[in-house]
PDB file of all heavy atoms in Angstrom:
ATOM      1  N   ARG A   1      35.434 448.512   8.173  1.00  0.00           N
ATOM      2  CA  ARG A   1      35.386 447.691   9.376  1.00  0.00           C
ATOM      3  C   ARG A   1      35.961 446.306   9.094  1.00  0.00           C
ATOM      4  O   ARG A   1      35.749 445.737   8.018  1.00  0.00           O
ATOM      5  CB  ARG A   1      33.936 447.524   9.845  1.00  0.00           C
ATOM      6  CG  ARG A   1      33.773 446.605  11.054  1.00  0.00           C
ATOM      7  CD  ARG A   1      32.350 446.118  11.206  1.00  0.00           C
ATOM      8  NE  ARG A   1      32.185 445.328  12.424  1.00  0.00           N
ATOM      9  CZ  ARG A   1      31.142 444.547  12.683  1.00  0.00           C
ATOM     10  NH1 ARG A   1      30.160 444.450  11.796  1.00  0.00           N
ATOM     11  NH2 ARG A   1      31.070 443.862  13.804  1.00  0.00           N
ATOM     12  N   VAL A   2      36.687 445.768  10.071  1.00  0.00           N
ATOM     13  CA  VAL A   2      37.150 444.378  10.045  1.00  0.00           C
ATOM     14  C   VAL A   2      36.722 443.744  11.355  1.00  0.00           C
ATOM     15  O   VAL A   2      36.892 444.351  12.422  1.00  0.00           O
ATOM     16  CB  VAL A   2      38.687 444.289   9.894  1.00  0.00           C
ATOM     17  CG1 VAL A   2      39.130 442.832   9.891  1.00  0.00           C
ATOM     18  CG2 VAL A   2      39.142 444.992   8.621  1.00  0.00           C
ATOM     19  N   TRP A   3      36.146 442.546  11.298  1.00  0.00           N
ATOM     20  CA  TRP A   3      35.688 441.915  12.536  1.00  0.00           C
ATOM     21  C   TRP A   3      35.851 440.405  12.476  1.00  0.00           C
ATOM     22  O   TRP A   3      36.011 439.804  11.411  1.00  0.00           O
ATOM     23  CB  TRP A   3      34.234 442.267  12.831  1.00  0.00           C
ATOM     24  CG  TRP A   3      33.210 441.460  12.073  1.00  0.00           C
ATOM     25  CD1 TRP A   3      32.581 440.298  12.467  1.00  0.00           C
ATOM     26  CD2 TRP A   3      32.678 441.753  10.775  1.00  0.00           C
ATOM     27  NE1 TRP A   3      31.710 439.870  11.519  1.00  0.00           N
ATOM     28  CE2 TRP A   3      31.747 440.742  10.459  1.00  0.00           C
ATOM     29  CE3 TRP A   3      32.902 442.775   9.853  1.00  0.00           C
ATOM     30  CZ2 TRP A   3      31.039 440.723   9.260  1.00  0.00           C
ATOM     31  CZ3 TRP A   3      32.196 442.759   8.654  1.00  0.00           C
ATOM     32  CH2 TRP A   3      31.282 441.743   8.379  1.00  0.00           C
ATOM     33  N   GLY A   4      35.811 439.813  13.649  1.00  0.00           N
ATOM     34  CA  GLY A   4      35.866 438.365  13.766  1.00  0.00           C
ATOM     35  C   GLY A   4      35.043 437.911  14.957  1.00  0.00           C
ATOM     36  O   GLY A   4      34.861 438.669  15.916  1.00  0.00           O
ATOM     37  N   GLU A   5      34.537 436.700  14.883  1.00  0.00           N
ATOM     38  CA  GLU A   5      33.694 436.163  15.950  1.00  0.00           C
ATOM     39  C   GLU A   5      33.910 434.669  16.069  1.00  0.00           C
ATOM     40  O   GLU A   5      34.109 433.973  15.067  1.00  0.00           O
ATOM     41  CB  GLU A   5      32.221 436.452  15.641  1.00  0.00           C
ATOM     42  CG  GLU A   5      31.238 435.882  16.650  1.00  0.00           C
ATOM     43  CD  GLU A   5      29.795 436.189  16.278  1.00  0.00           C
ATOM     44  OE1 GLU A   5      29.476 437.378  16.143  1.00  0.00           O
ATOM     45  OE2 GLU A   5      29.006 435.237  16.094  1.00  0.00           O
ATOM     46  N   ILE A   6      33.894 434.170  17.286  1.00  0.00           N
ATOM     47  CA  ILE A   6      33.921 432.741  17.543  1.00  0.00           C
ATOM     48  C   ILE A   6      32.785 432.411  18.488  1.00  0.00           C
ATOM     49  O   ILE A   6      32.464 433.201  19.390  1.00  0.00           O
ATOM     50  CB  ILE A   6      35.285 432.293  18.107  1.00  0.00           C
ATOM     51  CG1 ILE A   6      35.358 430.765  18.154  1.00  0.00           C
ATOM     52  CG2 ILE A   6      35.558 432.920  19.473  1.00  0.00           C
ATOM     53  CD1 ILE A   6      36.754 430.243  18.402  1.00  0.00           C
ATOM     54  N   GLN A   7      32.137 431.262  18.263  1.00  0.00           N
ATOM     55  CA  GLN A   7      30.922 430.943  19.013  1.00  0.00           C
ATOM     56  C   GLN A   7      30.823 429.442  19.231  1.00  0.00           C
ATOM     57  O   GLN A   7      31.207 428.647  18.365  1.00  0.00           O
ATOM     58  CB  GLN A   7      29.702 431.440  18.224  1.00  0.00           C
ATOM     59  CG  GLN A   7      28.359 431.138  18.869  1.00  0.00           C
ATOM     60  CD  GLN A   7      27.236 431.824  18.125  1.00  0.00           C
ATOM     61  OE1 GLN A   7      27.185 433.045  18.015  1.00  0.00           O
ATOM     62  NE2 GLN A   7      26.304 431.041  17.595  1.00  0.00           N
ATOM     63  N   TYR A   8      30.308 429.063  20.391  1.00  0.00           N
ATOM     64  CA  TYR A   8      30.041 427.657  20.686  1.00  0.00           C
ATOM     65  C   TYR A   8      28.539 427.483  20.866  1.00  0.00           C
ATOM     66  O   TYR A   8      27.911 428.222  21.622  1.00  0.00           O
ATOM     67  CB  TYR A   8      30.759 427.201  21.961  1.00  0.00           C
ATOM     68  CG  TYR A   8      30.536 425.734  22.258  1.00  0.00           C
ATOM     69  CD1 TYR A   8      31.272 424.757  21.594  1.00  0.00           C
ATOM     70  CD2 TYR A   8      29.567 425.336  23.174  1.00  0.00           C
ATOM     71  CE1 TYR A   8      31.056 423.411  21.851  1.00  0.00           C
ATOM     72  CE2 TYR A   8      29.340 423.990  23.438  1.00  0.00           C
ATOM     73  CZ  TYR A   8      30.096 423.026  22.761  1.00  0.00           C
ATOM     74  OH  TYR A   8      29.860 421.693  23.014  1.00  0.00           O
ATOM     75  N   GLU A   9      27.965 426.512  20.161  1.00  0.00           N
ATOM     76  CA  GLU A   9      26.532 426.234  20.252  1.00  0.00           C
ATOM     77  C   GLU A   9      26.298 424.833  20.798  1.00  0.00           C
ATOM     78  O   GLU A   9      27.013 423.890  20.455  1.00  0.00           O
ATOM     79  CB  GLU A   9      25.874 426.355  18.873  1.00  0.00           C
ATOM     80  CG  GLU A   9      25.931 427.737  18.268  1.00  0.00           C
ATOM     81  CD  GLU A   9      25.147 427.844  16.968  1.00  0.00           C
ATOM     82  OE1 GLU A   9      24.338 426.935  16.687  1.00  0.00           O
ATOM     83  OE2 GLU A   9      25.355 428.818  16.235  1.00  0.00           O
ATOM     84  N   HIS A  10      25.274 424.728  21.625  1.00  0.00           N
ATOM     85  CA  HIS A  10      24.854 423.423  22.129  1.00  0.00           C
ATOM     86  C   HIS A  10      23.340 423.443  22.276  1.00  0.00           C
ATOM     87  O   HIS A  10      22.802 424.142  23.137  1.00  0.00           O
ATOM     88  CB  HIS A  10      25.508 423.104  23.471  1.00  0.00           C
ATOM     89  CG  HIS A  10      25.082 421.774  24.025  1.00  0.00           C
ATOM     90  ND1 HIS A  10      25.472 420.578  23.457  1.00  0.00           N
ATOM     91  CD2 HIS A  10      24.284 421.457  25.074  1.00  0.00           C
ATOM     92  CE1 HIS A  10      24.929 419.574  24.136  1.00  0.00           C
ATOM     93  NE2 HIS A  10      24.211 420.085  25.123  1.00  0.00           N
ATOM     94  N   GLY A  11      22.662 422.729  21.391  1.00  0.00           N
ATOM     95  CA  GLY A  11      21.208 422.766  21.412  1.00  0.00           C
ATOM     96  C   GLY A  11      20.714 424.172  21.120  1.00  0.00           C
ATOM     97  O   GLY A  11      21.095 424.785  20.135  1.00  0.00           O
ATOM     98  N   ALA A  12      19.882 424.683  22.014  1.00  0.00           N
ATOM     99  CA  ALA A  12      19.314 426.022  21.826  1.00  0.00           C
ATOM    100  C   ALA A  12      20.141 427.107  22.505  1.00  0.00           C
ATOM    101  O   ALA A  12      19.763 428.265  22.491  1.00  0.00           O
ATOM    102  CB  ALA A  12      17.889 426.061  22.364  1.00  0.00           C
ATOM    103  N   THR A  13      21.280 426.754  23.100  1.00  0.00           N
ATOM    104  CA  THR A  13      22.105 427.739  23.799  1.00  0.00           C
ATOM    105  C   THR A  13      23.388 428.011  23.015  1.00  0.00           C
ATOM    106  O   THR A  13      23.849 427.182  22.230  1.00  0.00           O
ATOM    107  CB  THR A  13      22.473 427.262  25.209  1.00  0.00           C
ATOM    108  OG1 THR A  13      23.248 426.064  25.109  1.00  0.00           O
ATOM    109  CG2 THR A  13      21.217 426.983  26.022  1.00  0.00           C
ATOM    110  N   TYR A  14      23.966 429.176  23.251  1.00  0.00           N
ATOM    111  CA  TYR A  14      25.217 429.529  22.596  1.00  0.00           C
ATOM    112  C   TYR A  14      25.966 430.556  23.431  1.00  0.00           C
ATOM    113  O   TYR A  14      25.387 431.249  24.276  1.00  0.00           O
ATOM    114  CB  TYR A  14      24.969 430.081  21.187  1.00  0.00           C
ATOM    115  CG  TYR A  14      24.149 431.356  21.155  1.00  0.00           C
ATOM    116  CD1 TYR A  14      24.763 432.610  21.189  1.00  0.00           C
ATOM    117  CD2 TYR A  14      22.757 431.314  21.076  1.00  0.00           C
ATOM    118  CE1 TYR A  14      24.019 433.781  21.154  1.00  0.00           C
ATOM    119  CE2 TYR A  14      22.002 432.477  21.044  1.00  0.00           C
ATOM    120  CZ  TYR A  14      22.633 433.703  21.080  1.00  0.00           C
ATOM    121  OH  TYR A  14      21.893 434.857  21.046  1.00  0.00           O
ATOM    122  N   ALA A  15      27.267 430.661  23.188  1.00  0.00           N
ATOM    123  CA  ALA A  15      28.108 431.657  23.846  1.00  0.00           C
ATOM    124  C   ALA A  15      29.314 431.909  22.960  1.00  0.00           C
ATOM    125  O   ALA A  15      29.716 431.041  22.177  1.00  0.00           O
ATOM    126  CB  ALA A  15      28.544 431.186  25.228  1.00  0.00           C
ATOM    127  N   GLY A  16      29.896 433.100  23.070  1.00  0.00           N
ATOM    128  CA  GLY A  16      31.039 433.385  22.232  1.00  0.00           C
ATOM    129  C   GLY A  16      31.658 434.729  22.519  1.00  0.00           C
ATOM    130  O   GLY A  16      31.347 435.399  23.514  1.00  0.00           O
ATOM    131  N   ALA A  17      32.544 435.141  21.612  1.00  0.00           N
ATOM    132  CA  ALA A  17      33.263 436.405  21.731  1.00  0.00           C
ATOM    133  C   ALA A  17      33.475 436.979  20.340  1.00  0.00           C
ATOM    134  O   ALA A  17      33.556 436.236  19.352  1.00  0.00           O
ATOM    135  CB  ALA A  17      34.598 436.205  22.431  1.00  0.00           C
ATOM    136  N   SER A  18      33.570 438.299  20.248  1.00  0.00           N
ATOM    137  CA  SER A  18      33.817 438.953  18.966  1.00  0.00           C
ATOM    138  C   SER A  18      34.670 440.195  19.170  1.00  0.00           C
ATOM    139  O   SER A  18      34.769 440.733  20.279  1.00  0.00           O
ATOM    140  CB  SER A  18      32.498 439.329  18.286  1.00  0.00           C
ATOM    141  OG  SER A  18      31.832 440.353  19.008  1.00  0.00           O
ATOM    142  N   ALA A  19      35.279 440.662  18.084  1.00  0.00           N
ATOM    143  CA  ALA A  19      36.113 441.865  18.121  1.00  0.00           C
ATOM    144  C   ALA A  19      35.962 442.612  16.812  1.00  0.00           C
ATOM    145  O   ALA A  19      35.840 441.998  15.747  1.00  0.00           O
ATOM    146  CB  ALA A  19      37.572 441.497  18.357  1.00  0.00           C
ATOM    147  N   SER A  20      35.959 443.940  16.894  1.00  0.00           N
ATOM    148  CA  SER A  20      35.825 444.782  15.711  1.00  0.00           C
ATOM    149  C   SER A  20      36.501 446.111  15.970  1.00  0.00           C
ATOM    150  O   SER A  20      36.579 446.578  17.116  1.00  0.00           O
ATOM    151  CB  SER A  20      34.349 445.013  15.379  1.00  0.00           C
ATOM    152  OG  SER A  20      34.195 445.947  14.318  1.00  0.00           O
ATOM    153  N   ASN A  21      36.980 446.759  14.916  1.00  0.00           N
ATOM    154  CA  ASN A  21      37.437 448.136  15.047  1.00  0.00           C
ATOM    155  C   ASN A  21      36.238 449.069  15.060  1.00  0.00           C
ATOM    156  O   ASN A  21      35.199 448.782  14.443  1.00  0.00           O
ATOM    157  CB  ASN A  21      38.379 448.505  13.908  1.00  0.00           C
ATOM    158  CG  ASN A  21      37.705 448.491  12.551  1.00  0.00           C
ATOM    159  OD1 ASN A  21      37.305 447.428  12.068  1.00  0.00           O
ATOM    160  ND2 ASN A  21      37.556 449.657  11.927  1.00  0.00           N
ATOM    161  N   VAL A  22      36.346 450.171  15.784  1.00  0.00           N
ATOM    162  CA  VAL A  22      35.333 451.225  15.807  1.00  0.00           C
ATOM    163  C   VAL A  22      36.050 452.567  15.870  1.00  0.00           C
ATOM    164  O   VAL A  22      37.269 452.632  16.066  1.00  0.00           O
ATOM    165  CB  VAL A  22      34.365 451.090  17.010  1.00  0.00           C
ATOM    166  CG1 VAL A  22      33.545 449.815  16.929  1.00  0.00           C
ATOM    167  CG2 VAL A  22      35.128 451.159  18.330  1.00  0.00           C
ATOM    168  N   LYS A  23      35.304 453.643  15.725  1.00  0.00           N
ATOM    169  CA  LYS A  23      35.822 455.003  15.911  1.00  0.00           C
ATOM    170  C   LYS A  23      34.697 455.814  16.535  1.00  0.00           C
ATOM    171  O   LYS A  23      33.849 456.361  15.835  1.00  0.00           O
ATOM    172  CB  LYS A  23      36.278 455.604  14.586  1.00  0.00           C
ATOM    173  CG  LYS A  23      37.010 456.944  14.738  1.00  0.00           C
ATOM    174  CD  LYS A  23      37.364 457.536  13.380  1.00  0.00           C
ATOM    175  CE  LYS A  23      38.454 456.733  12.688  1.00  0.00           C
ATOM    176  NZ  LYS A  23      38.878 457.404  11.414  1.00  0.00           N
ATOM    177  N   LEU A  24      34.688 455.869  17.877  1.00  0.00           N
ATOM    178  CA  LEU A  24      33.581 456.447  18.622  1.00  0.00           C
ATOM    179  C   LEU A  24      33.982 457.769  19.267  1.00  0.00           C
ATOM    180  O   LEU A  24      35.146 457.973  19.635  1.00  0.00           O
ATOM    181  CB  LEU A  24      33.106 455.458  19.690  1.00  0.00           C
ATOM    182  CG  LEU A  24      32.685 454.080  19.151  1.00  0.00           C
ATOM    183  CD1 LEU A  24      32.366 453.146  20.302  1.00  0.00           C
ATOM    184  CD2 LEU A  24      31.493 454.201  18.216  1.00  0.00           C
ATOM    185  N   SER A  25      33.009 458.652  19.443  1.00  0.00           N
ATOM    186  CA  SER A  25      33.304 459.982  19.975  1.00  0.00           C
ATOM    187  C   SER A  25      33.918 459.958  21.375  1.00  0.00           C
ATOM    188  O   SER A  25      34.733 460.830  21.693  1.00  0.00           O
ATOM    189  CB  SER A  25      32.034 460.850  19.962  1.00  0.00           C
ATOM    190  OG  SER A  25      30.983 460.235  20.688  1.00  0.00           O
ATOM    191  N   PRO A  26      33.578 458.998  22.275  1.00  0.00           N
ATOM    192  CA  PRO A  26      34.267 458.964  23.576  1.00  0.00           C
ATOM    193  C   PRO A  26      35.696 458.435  23.493  1.00  0.00           C
ATOM    194  O   PRO A  26      36.370 458.334  24.512  1.00  0.00           O
ATOM    195  CB  PRO A  26      33.385 458.024  24.411  1.00  0.00           C
ATOM    196  CG  PRO A  26      32.060 458.034  23.729  1.00  0.00           C
ATOM    197  CD  PRO A  26      32.383 458.131  22.271  1.00  0.00           C
ATOM    198  N   GLY A  27      36.172 458.074  22.283  1.00  0.00           N
ATOM    199  CA  GLY A  27      37.563 457.671  22.111  1.00  0.00           C
ATOM    200  C   GLY A  27      37.788 456.207  21.823  1.00  0.00           C
ATOM    201  O   GLY A  27      38.911 455.819  21.478  1.00  0.00           O
ATOM    202  N   GLY A  28      36.776 455.359  21.981  1.00  0.00           N
ATOM    203  CA  GLY A  28      36.949 453.931  21.752  1.00  0.00           C
ATOM    204  C   GLY A  28      37.388 453.629  20.323  1.00  0.00           C
ATOM    205  O   GLY A  28      36.831 454.164  19.370  1.00  0.00           O
ATOM    206  N   ASP A  29      38.429 452.769  20.186  1.00  0.00           N
ATOM    207  CA  ASP A  29      38.927 452.411  18.862  1.00  0.00           C
ATOM    208  C   ASP A  29      38.704 450.943  18.513  1.00  0.00           C
ATOM    209  O   ASP A  29      39.057 450.499  17.419  1.00  0.00           O
ATOM    210  CB  ASP A  29      40.411 452.758  18.729  1.00  0.00           C
ATOM    211  CG  ASP A  29      41.258 452.133  19.829  1.00  0.00           C
ATOM    212  OD1 ASP A  29      40.843 451.105  20.410  1.00  0.00           O
ATOM    213  OD2 ASP A  29      42.339 452.680  20.120  1.00  0.00           O
ATOM    214  N   SER A  30      38.141 450.189  19.437  1.00  0.00           N
ATOM    215  CA  SER A  30      37.791 448.795  19.170  1.00  0.00           C
ATOM    216  C   SER A  30      36.642 448.391  20.078  1.00  0.00           C
ATOM    217  O   SER A  30      36.417 448.994  21.134  1.00  0.00           O
ATOM    218  CB  SER A  30      38.990 447.865  19.360  1.00  0.00           C
ATOM    219  OG  SER A  30      39.538 447.995  20.657  1.00  0.00           O
ATOM    220  N   GLU A  31      35.924 447.379  19.652  1.00  0.00           N
ATOM    221  CA  GLU A  31      34.776 446.869  20.406  1.00  0.00           C
ATOM    222  C   GLU A  31      34.982 445.382  20.639  1.00  0.00           C
ATOM    223  O   GLU A  31      35.055 444.601  19.692  1.00  0.00           O
ATOM    224  CB  GLU A  31      33.480 447.102  19.619  1.00  0.00           C
ATOM    225  CG  GLU A  31      32.232 446.616  20.333  1.00  0.00           C
ATOM    226  CD  GLU A  31      30.978 446.885  19.509  1.00  0.00           C
ATOM    227  OE1 GLU A  31      30.732 446.116  18.543  1.00  0.00           O
ATOM    228  OE2 GLU A  31      30.268 447.858  19.803  1.00  0.00           O
ATOM    229  N   LEU A  32      35.096 445.004  21.905  1.00  0.00           N
ATOM    230  CA  LEU A  32      35.284 443.609  22.291  1.00  0.00           C
ATOM    231  C   LEU A  32      34.030 443.137  23.003  1.00  0.00           C
ATOM    232  O   LEU A  32      33.516 443.828  23.895  1.00  0.00           O
ATOM    233  CB  LEU A  32      36.497 443.465  23.214  1.00  0.00           C
ATOM    234  CG  LEU A  32      37.811 444.083  22.698  1.00  0.00           C
ATOM    235  CD1 LEU A  32      38.913 443.892  23.725  1.00  0.00           C
ATOM    236  CD2 LEU A  32      38.214 443.481  21.352  1.00  0.00           C
ATOM    237  N   GLU A  33      33.524 441.963  22.625  1.00  0.00           N
ATOM    238  CA  GLU A  33      32.259 441.479  23.165  1.00  0.00           C
ATOM    239  C   GLU A  33      32.387 440.055  23.696  1.00  0.00           C
ATOM    240  O   GLU A  33      33.071 439.219  23.097  1.00  0.00           O
ATOM    241  CB  GLU A  33      31.171 441.488  22.090  1.00  0.00           C
ATOM    242  CG  GLU A  33      30.820 442.847  21.557  1.00  0.00           C
ATOM    243  CD  GLU A  33      29.670 442.785  20.554  1.00  0.00           C
ATOM    244  OE1 GLU A  33      29.383 441.683  20.016  1.00  0.00           O
ATOM    245  OE2 GLU A  33      29.063 443.834  20.305  1.00  0.00           O
ATOM    246  N   LEU A  34      31.691 439.796  24.779  1.00  0.00           N
ATOM    247  CA  LEU A  34      31.422 438.454  25.282  1.00  0.00           C
ATOM    248  C   LEU A  34      29.909 438.309  25.351  1.00  0.00           C
ATOM    249  O   LEU A  34      29.229 439.197  25.871  1.00  0.00           O
ATOM    250  CB  LEU A  34      32.031 438.247  26.667  1.00  0.00           C
ATOM    251  CG  LEU A  34      33.560 438.302  26.765  1.00  0.00           C
ATOM    252  CD1 LEU A  34      33.990 438.229  28.232  1.00  0.00           C
ATOM    253  CD2 LEU A  34      34.197 437.161  25.973  1.00  0.00           C
ATOM    254  N   PHE A  35      29.374 437.214  24.825  1.00  0.00           N
ATOM    255  CA  PHE A  35      27.922 437.092  24.764  1.00  0.00           C
ATOM    256  C   PHE A  35      27.480 435.651  25.012  1.00  0.00           C
ATOM    257  O   PHE A  35      28.251 434.697  24.864  1.00  0.00           O
ATOM    258  CB  PHE A  35      27.402 437.562  23.402  1.00  0.00           C
ATOM    259  CG  PHE A  35      27.981 436.813  22.221  1.00  0.00           C
ATOM    260  CD1 PHE A  35      27.423 435.620  21.784  1.00  0.00           C
ATOM    261  CD2 PHE A  35      29.094 437.302  21.561  1.00  0.00           C
ATOM    262  CE1 PHE A  35      27.967 434.930  20.708  1.00  0.00           C
ATOM    263  CE2 PHE A  35      29.639 436.629  20.477  1.00  0.00           C
ATOM    264  CZ  PHE A  35      29.076 435.438  20.045  1.00  0.00           C
ATOM    265  N   ALA A  36      26.218 435.535  25.419  1.00  0.00           N
ATOM    266  CA  ALA A  36      25.590 434.232  25.609  1.00  0.00           C
ATOM    267  C   ALA A  36      24.106 434.387  25.320  1.00  0.00           C
ATOM    268  O   ALA A  36      23.536 435.472  25.530  1.00  0.00           O
ATOM    269  CB  ALA A  36      25.810 433.707  27.025  1.00  0.00           C
ATOM    270  N   GLY A  37      23.487 433.300  24.836  1.00  0.00           N
ATOM    271  CA  GLY A  37      22.084 433.412  24.483  1.00  0.00           C
ATOM    272  C   GLY A  37      21.366 432.090  24.459  1.00  0.00           C
ATOM    273  O   GLY A  37      21.964 431.016  24.616  1.00  0.00           O
ATOM    274  N   TYR A  38      20.066 432.179  24.236  1.00  0.00           N
ATOM    275  CA  TYR A  38      19.169 431.017  24.233  1.00  0.00           C
ATOM    276  C   TYR A  38      18.135 431.224  23.132  1.00  0.00           C
ATOM    277  O   TYR A  38      17.590 432.330  22.991  1.00  0.00           O
ATOM    278  CB  TYR A  38      18.499 430.890  25.598  1.00  0.00           C
ATOM    279  CG  TYR A  38      17.489 429.768  25.714  1.00  0.00           C
ATOM    280  CD1 TYR A  38      17.827 428.459  25.406  1.00  0.00           C
ATOM    281  CD2 TYR A  38      16.182 430.022  26.158  1.00  0.00           C
ATOM    282  CE1 TYR A  38      16.895 427.433  25.525  1.00  0.00           C
ATOM    283  CE2 TYR A  38      15.254 429.015  26.285  1.00  0.00           C
ATOM    284  CZ  TYR A  38      15.620 427.714  25.959  1.00  0.00           C
ATOM    285  OH  TYR A  38      14.706 426.709  26.072  1.00  0.00           O
ATOM    286  N   LYS A  39      17.872 430.180  22.331  1.00  0.00           N
ATOM    287  CA  LYS A  39      16.973 430.279  21.178  1.00  0.00           C
ATOM    288  C   LYS A  39      15.817 429.281  21.297  1.00  0.00           C
ATOM    289  O   LYS A  39      15.843 428.217  20.686  1.00  0.00           O
ATOM    290  CB  LYS A  39      17.737 430.014  19.874  1.00  0.00           C
ATOM    291  CG  LYS A  39      18.804 431.039  19.547  1.00  0.00           C
ATOM    292  CD  LYS A  39      19.478 430.698  18.216  1.00  0.00           C
ATOM    293  CE  LYS A  39      20.502 431.723  17.807  1.00  0.00           C
ATOM    294  NZ  LYS A  39      21.149 431.394  16.510  1.00  0.00           N
ATOM    295  N   PRO A  40      14.799 429.630  22.065  1.00  0.00           N
ATOM    296  CA  PRO A  40      13.633 428.741  22.171  1.00  0.00           C
ATOM    297  C   PRO A  40      12.629 429.003  21.049  1.00  0.00           C
ATOM    298  O   PRO A  40      12.714 430.020  20.343  1.00  0.00           O
ATOM    299  CB  PRO A  40      13.036 429.125  23.525  1.00  0.00           C
ATOM    300  CG  PRO A  40      13.340 430.591  23.625  1.00  0.00           C
ATOM    301  CD  PRO A  40      14.689 430.782  22.970  1.00  0.00           C
ATOM    302  N   GLU A  41      11.674 428.106  20.899  1.00  0.00           N
ATOM    303  CA  GLU A  41      10.556 428.279  19.977  1.00  0.00           C
ATOM    304  C   GLU A  41       9.260 428.168  20.769  1.00  0.00           C
ATOM    305  O   GLU A  41       9.099 427.279  21.598  1.00  0.00           O
ATOM    306  CB  GLU A  41      10.583 427.229  18.869  1.00  0.00           C
ATOM    307  CG  GLU A  41      11.800 427.325  17.958  1.00  0.00           C
ATOM    308  CD  GLU A  41      11.745 426.327  16.813  1.00  0.00           C
ATOM    309  OE1 GLU A  41      10.648 425.781  16.549  1.00  0.00           O
ATOM    310  OE2 GLU A  41      12.790 426.089  16.175  1.00  0.00           O
ATOM    311  N   ALA A  42       8.329 429.097  20.507  1.00  0.00           N
ATOM    312  CA  ALA A  42       7.053 429.095  21.220  1.00  0.00           C
ATOM    313  C   ALA A  42       6.036 429.927  20.457  1.00  0.00           C
ATOM    314  O   ALA A  42       6.391 430.950  19.839  1.00  0.00           O
ATOM    315  CB  ALA A  42       7.216 429.649  22.640  1.00  0.00           C
ATOM    316  N   LEU A  43       4.792 429.480  20.450  1.00  0.00           N
ATOM    317  CA  LEU A  43       3.672 430.228  19.874  1.00  0.00           C
ATOM    318  C   LEU A  43       3.892 430.576  18.403  1.00  0.00           C
ATOM    319  O   LEU A  43       3.435 431.607  17.911  1.00  0.00           O
ATOM    320  CB  LEU A  43       3.420 431.510  20.681  1.00  0.00           C
ATOM    321  CG  LEU A  43       3.164 431.327  22.181  1.00  0.00           C
ATOM    322  CD1 LEU A  43       3.086 432.679  22.868  1.00  0.00           C
ATOM    323  CD2 LEU A  43       1.890 430.518  22.405  1.00  0.00           C
ATOM    324  N   GLY A  44       4.603 429.709  17.696  1.00  0.00           N
ATOM    325  CA  GLY A  44       4.863 429.945  16.287  1.00  0.00           C
ATOM    326  C   GLY A  44       6.009 430.884  16.007  1.00  0.00           C
ATOM    327  O   GLY A  44       6.269 431.213  14.841  1.00  0.00           O
TER     328      GLY A  44
END
């Protein structure tokens, strides 16, 4: 596998994109992602 990812973070939030090769039974040969998230802290 070869992959790469780029991400922007600001405080507890982040967003980015990634790409990787795959070999999946439905025929997919690459996996492209767009993502966003939030990282809070609570209750330990």
